[in-house]
Amino acid sequence: MPDEPPDRKSKPRPEPRKPHTGDVLHLTRAASVQFLCPIFVRVIRVLDWPTYDGWLWIDGYELAANGDAVARRSLFVMPAGLIWPDTPAPAARRPATRAPVRRGPVRVG
């Protein structure tokens, strides 16, 4: 007689996707309790620091609503809670268009 019924055998969990340099992530409380207010982050690198099983350290730039980097942060996150947004974060600032200068005759003397 088996210890567990056949329908209750544990199934191996798939390995969560890991971030790579340049990925934009949406971090919420699913990734860590520190993200009470969700943020967007552009990954610089995944750090090789010792962690608890199932967690990792990432180095990245926190992004503002317009896509500009506002702060560099090292973050302790759970890969299973990372969200890759369907739409990319806004690109960094567009070049400003300058209005033409009105030129007229110049008085000399």
C-alpha atoms as a PDB file:
ATOM      1  CA  MET A   1       0.000   0.000   0.000  1.00  0.00           C
ATOM      2  CA  PRO A   2       1.591   3.339  -1.052  1.00  0.00           C
ATOM      3  CA  ASP A   3       2.062   6.137   1.465  1.00  0.00           C
ATOM      4  CA  GLU A   4       0.266   8.714  -0.714  1.00  0.00           C
ATOM      5  CA  PRO A   5      -2.569   8.375  -3.177  1.00  0.00           C
ATOM      6  CA  PRO A   6      -1.284   8.585  -6.794  1.00  0.00           C
ATOM      7  CA  ASP A   7      -3.106  11.867  -7.492  1.00  0.00           C
ATOM      8  CA  ARG A   8      -1.296  13.639  -4.628  1.00  0.00           C
ATOM      9  CA  LYS A   9       2.280  13.034  -5.697  1.00  0.00           C
ATOM     10  CA  SER A  10       4.363  16.168  -5.724  1.00  0.00           C
ATOM     11  CA  LYS A  11       5.106  17.513  -9.183  1.00  0.00           C
ATOM     12  CA  PRO A  12       8.378  19.307  -9.857  1.00  0.00           C
ATOM     13  CA  ARG A  13       7.868  23.047 -10.208  1.00  0.00           C
ATOM     14  CA  PRO A  14       9.141  24.699 -13.364  1.00  0.00           C
ATOM     15  CA  GLU A  15      12.207  26.902 -12.863  1.00  0.00           C
ATOM     16  CA  PRO A  16      11.108  30.584 -12.773  1.00  0.00           C
ATOM     17  CA  ARG A  17      12.405  32.822 -15.552  1.00  0.00           C
ATOM     18  CA  LYS A  18      15.487  34.799 -14.513  1.00  0.00           C
ATOM     19  CA  PRO A  19      16.113  38.409 -15.507  1.00  0.00           C
ATOM     20  CA  HIS A  20      18.914  39.446 -17.859  1.00  0.00           C
ATOM     21  CA  THR A  21      20.769  42.704 -18.457  1.00  0.00           C
ATOM     22  CA  GLY A  22      18.485  45.276 -20.095  1.00  0.00           C
ATOM     23  CA  ASP A  23      15.194  43.641 -19.041  1.00  0.00           C
ATOM     24  CA  VAL A  24      12.531  45.981 -17.707  1.00  0.00           C
ATOM     25  CA  LEU A  25      10.666  44.486 -14.751  1.00  0.00           C
ATOM     26  CA  HIS A  26       7.532  45.508 -12.888  1.00  0.00           C
ATOM     27  CA  LEU A  27       8.159  44.772  -9.216  1.00  0.00           C
ATOM     28  CA  THR A  28       5.168  44.294  -6.927  1.00  0.00           C
ATOM     29  CA  ARG A  29       4.579  42.651  -3.568  1.00  0.00           C
ATOM     30  CA  ALA A  30       4.673  39.300  -5.386  1.00  0.00           C
ATOM     31  CA  ALA A  31       8.434  39.844  -5.836  1.00  0.00           C
ATOM     32  CA  SER A  32       9.068  41.120  -2.293  1.00  0.00           C
ATOM     33  CA  VAL A  33       7.215  42.778   0.570  1.00  0.00           C
ATOM     34  CA  GLN A  34       9.403  45.878   0.133  1.00  0.00           C
ATOM     35  CA  PHE A  35       7.415  46.864  -2.975  1.00  0.00           C
ATOM     36  CA  LEU A  36       4.293  48.153  -1.279  1.00  0.00           C
ATOM     37  CA  CYS A  37       4.255  50.771  -4.042  1.00  0.00           C
ATOM     38  CA  PRO A  38       5.116  48.903  -7.273  1.00  0.00           C
ATOM     39  CA  ILE A  39       8.070  50.160  -9.341  1.00  0.00           C
ATOM     40  CA  PHE A  40       9.627  49.583 -12.749  1.00  0.00           C
ATOM     41  CA  VAL A  41      13.301  48.630 -12.883  1.00  0.00           C
ATOM     42  CA  ARG A  42      15.790  48.232 -15.744  1.00  0.00           C
ATOM     43  CA  VAL A  43      18.190  45.395 -14.861  1.00  0.00           C
ATOM     44  CA  ILE A  44      21.914  46.133 -14.899  1.00  0.00           C
ATOM     45  CA  ARG A  45      22.964  42.645 -13.782  1.00  0.00           C
ATOM     46  CA  VAL A  46      22.013  39.717 -11.582  1.00  0.00           C
ATOM     47  CA  LEU A  47      24.363  39.710  -8.599  1.00  0.00           C
ATOM     48  CA  ASP A  48      26.115  36.558  -7.428  1.00  0.00           C
ATOM     49  CA  TRP A  49      25.542  37.250  -3.736  1.00  0.00           C
ATOM     50  CA  PRO A  50      24.538  34.503  -1.281  1.00  0.00           C
ATOM     51  CA  THR A  51      20.781  34.358  -0.728  1.00  0.00           C
ATOM     52  CA  TYR A  52      18.048  32.133   0.591  1.00  0.00           C
ATOM     53  CA  ASP A  53      16.863  29.390  -1.741  1.00  0.00           C
ATOM     54  CA  GLY A  54      14.456  30.821  -4.324  1.00  0.00           C
ATOM     55  CA  TRP A  55      15.633  34.445  -4.009  1.00  0.00           C
ATOM     56  CA  LEU A  56      18.170  36.551  -5.891  1.00  0.00           C
ATOM     57  CA  TRP A  57      19.836  39.952  -5.867  1.00  0.00           C
ATOM     58  CA  ILE A  58      19.547  42.226  -8.887  1.00  0.00           C
ATOM     59  CA  ASP A  59      21.262  45.523  -9.561  1.00  0.00           C
ATOM     60  CA  GLY A  60      19.152  47.966 -11.551  1.00  0.00           C
ATOM     61  CA  TYR A  61      17.845  51.446 -12.208  1.00  0.00           C
ATOM     62  CA  GLU A  62      14.458  52.461 -10.855  1.00  0.00           C
ATOM     63  CA  LEU A  63      12.492  54.095 -13.673  1.00  0.00           C
ATOM     64  CA  ALA A  64      10.237  57.149 -13.501  1.00  0.00           C
ATOM     65  CA  ALA A  65       6.893  57.230 -15.327  1.00  0.00           C
ATOM     66  CA  ASN A  66       8.578  58.708 -18.421  1.00  0.00           C
ATOM     67  CA  GLY A  67      11.238  55.956 -18.506  1.00  0.00           C
ATOM     68  CA  ASP A  68      14.133  57.989 -17.087  1.00  0.00           C
ATOM     69  CA  ALA A  69      16.387  56.306 -14.537  1.00  0.00           C
ATOM     70  CA  VAL A  70      15.949  58.042 -11.183  1.00  0.00           C
ATOM     71  CA  ALA A  71      17.905  55.821  -8.759  1.00  0.00           C
ATOM     72  CA  ARG A  72      20.316  52.908  -8.816  1.00  0.00           C
ATOM     73  CA  ARG A  73      19.249  50.103  -6.489  1.00  0.00           C
ATOM     74  CA  SER A  74      20.306  46.633  -5.407  1.00  0.00           C
ATOM     75  CA  LEU A  75      17.134  44.625  -4.843  1.00  0.00           C
ATOM     76  CA  PHE A  76      16.416  41.319  -3.101  1.00  0.00           C
ATOM     77  CA  VAL A  77      13.600  39.632  -5.044  1.00  0.00           C
ATOM     78  CA  MET A  78      11.847  36.321  -5.591  1.00  0.00           C
ATOM     79  CA  PRO A  79      12.102  35.354  -9.306  1.00  0.00           C
ATOM     80  CA  ALA A  80       8.655  33.710  -9.237  1.00  0.00           C
ATOM     81  CA  GLY A  81       7.114  37.138  -8.488  1.00  0.00           C
ATOM     82  CA  LEU A  82       8.832  39.127 -11.251  1.00  0.00           C
ATOM     83  CA  ILE A  83       6.613  40.616 -13.964  1.00  0.00           C
ATOM     84  CA  TRP A  84       7.846  41.342 -17.477  1.00  0.00           C
ATOM     85  CA  PRO A  85       5.446  43.997 -18.827  1.00  0.00           C
ATOM     86  CA  ASP A  86       3.883  43.330 -22.257  1.00  0.00           C
ATOM     87  CA  THR A  87       4.488  46.891 -23.351  1.00  0.00           C
ATOM     88  CA  PRO A  88       8.003  48.235 -22.909  1.00  0.00           C
ATOM     89  CA  ALA A  89       8.580  51.087 -20.512  1.00  0.00           C
ATOM     90  CA  PRO A  90       8.730  54.472 -22.212  1.00  0.00           C
ATOM     91  CA  ALA A  91      12.049  55.144 -23.885  1.00  0.00           C
ATOM     92  CA  ALA A  92      14.419  57.610 -22.332  1.00  0.00           C
ATOM     93  CA  ARG A  93      13.819  61.264 -23.031  1.00  0.00           C
ATOM     94  CA  ARG A  94      13.282  62.250 -26.681  1.00  0.00           C
ATOM     95  CA  PRO A  95      15.516  64.993 -28.046  1.00  0.00           C
ATOM     96  CA  ALA A  96      13.935  68.386 -27.510  1.00  0.00           C
ATOM     97  CA  THR A  97      12.783  70.203 -30.605  1.00  0.00           C
ATOM     98  CA  ARG A  98      13.803  73.820 -30.646  1.00  0.00           C
ATOM     99  CA  ALA A  99      11.615  76.596 -31.938  1.00  0.00           C
ATOM    100  CA  PRO A 100      13.214  78.595 -34.759  1.00  0.00           C
ATOM    101  CA  VAL A 101      14.611  81.956 -33.746  1.00  0.00           C
ATOM    102  CA  ARG A 102      12.994  84.996 -35.353  1.00  0.00           C
ATOM    103  CA  ARG A 103      15.640  87.040 -37.045  1.00  0.00           C
ATOM    104  CA  GLY A 104      15.198  90.593 -38.190  1.00  0.00           C
ATOM    105  CA  PRO A 105      17.328  93.540 -39.134  1.00  0.00           C
ATOM    106  CA  VAL A 106      19.922  94.593 -36.615  1.00  0.00           C
ATOM    107  CA  ARG A 107      20.558  98.262 -35.869  1.00  0.00           C
ATOM    108  CA  VAL A 108      24.169  99.191 -35.745  1.00  0.00           C
ATOM    109  CA  GLY A 109      25.462 102.456 -34.349  1.00  0.00           C
END
